[in-house]
Amino acid sequence: MTAKRIRPGQTAPASAQYRLTGTRHEITLPKGRPAPPTPRKGQTWQIVDRTNNKSGKG
């Protein structure tokens, strides 16, 4: 299964750790919150580790 990717400004489908594609930079993003801007055009945020609660199952 491929991990879900979201673009800057899209709402997070699940509470999780998200990694900026092409980097090691990670953020924690709660479900329903918009993803922050990225430094370069075309980059996305990818789920790398979901939280262990109901909102991480999204």
Protein backbone atom coordinates (compact mmCIF):
# COMPACT_ATOMS: atom_id res chain seq x y z
CA MET A 1 0.00 0.00 0.00
CA THR A 2 1.33 3.43 -0.92
CA ALA A 3 1.28 6.04 1.83
CA LYS A 4 -1.17 8.90 1.32
CA ARG A 5 0.33 12.17 0.06
CA ILE A 6 -1.22 15.58 0.58
CA ARG A 7 -0.44 18.93 -1.00
CA PRO A 8 0.13 22.14 0.99
CA GLY A 9 -3.21 23.54 2.15
CA GLN A 10 -5.04 20.20 1.96
CA THR A 11 -6.53 18.90 5.19
CA ALA A 12 -4.87 15.93 6.83
CA PRO A 13 -6.90 12.73 6.39
CA ALA A 14 -5.47 11.26 9.63
CA SER A 15 -3.45 12.34 12.64
CA ALA A 16 0.11 11.29 11.88
CA GLN A 17 3.75 12.14 11.34
CA TYR A 18 4.16 13.54 7.82
CA ARG A 19 7.46 13.75 5.92
CA LEU A 20 8.24 16.36 3.31
CA THR A 21 8.99 14.46 0.09
CA GLY A 22 12.66 14.36 -0.81
CA THR A 23 13.79 15.34 2.71
CA ARG A 24 14.05 14.02 6.26
CA HIS A 25 11.91 16.87 7.63
CA GLU A 26 8.88 15.57 9.57
CA ILE A 27 5.94 17.27 11.23
CA THR A 28 3.04 16.13 13.40
CA LEU A 29 -0.27 17.01 11.81
CA PRO A 30 -3.65 16.43 13.51
CA LYS A 31 -6.57 15.14 11.46
CA GLY A 32 -8.50 17.94 9.74
CA ARG A 33 -5.70 20.53 9.91
CA PRO A 34 -4.27 22.02 6.70
CA ALA A 35 -0.78 20.99 5.64
CA PRO A 36 1.79 23.80 5.85
CA PRO A 37 3.50 25.37 2.83
CA THR A 38 6.56 23.67 1.36
CA PRO A 39 9.89 25.30 0.48
CA ARG A 40 9.81 24.15 -3.15
CA LYS A 41 7.06 23.94 -5.73
CA GLY A 42 5.71 20.44 -6.30
CA GLN A 43 6.65 18.99 -2.89
CA THR A 44 4.03 17.10 -0.89
CA TRP A 45 3.61 15.72 2.61
CA GLN A 46 3.51 11.93 3.04
CA ILE A 47 2.25 9.92 6.02
CA VAL A 48 5.12 8.01 7.63
CA ASP A 49 3.67 7.05 11.04
CA ARG A 50 0.00 7.22 12.05
CA THR A 51 -0.94 8.00 15.65
CA ASN A 52 -2.30 5.21 17.84
CA ASN A 53 -5.79 6.61 18.41
CA LYS A 54 -9.12 6.93 16.59
CA SER A 55 -8.08 9.97 14.55
CA GLY A 56 -4.99 8.16 13.21
CA LYS A 57 -7.13 5.57 11.42
CA GLY A 58 -8.43 8.02 8.75
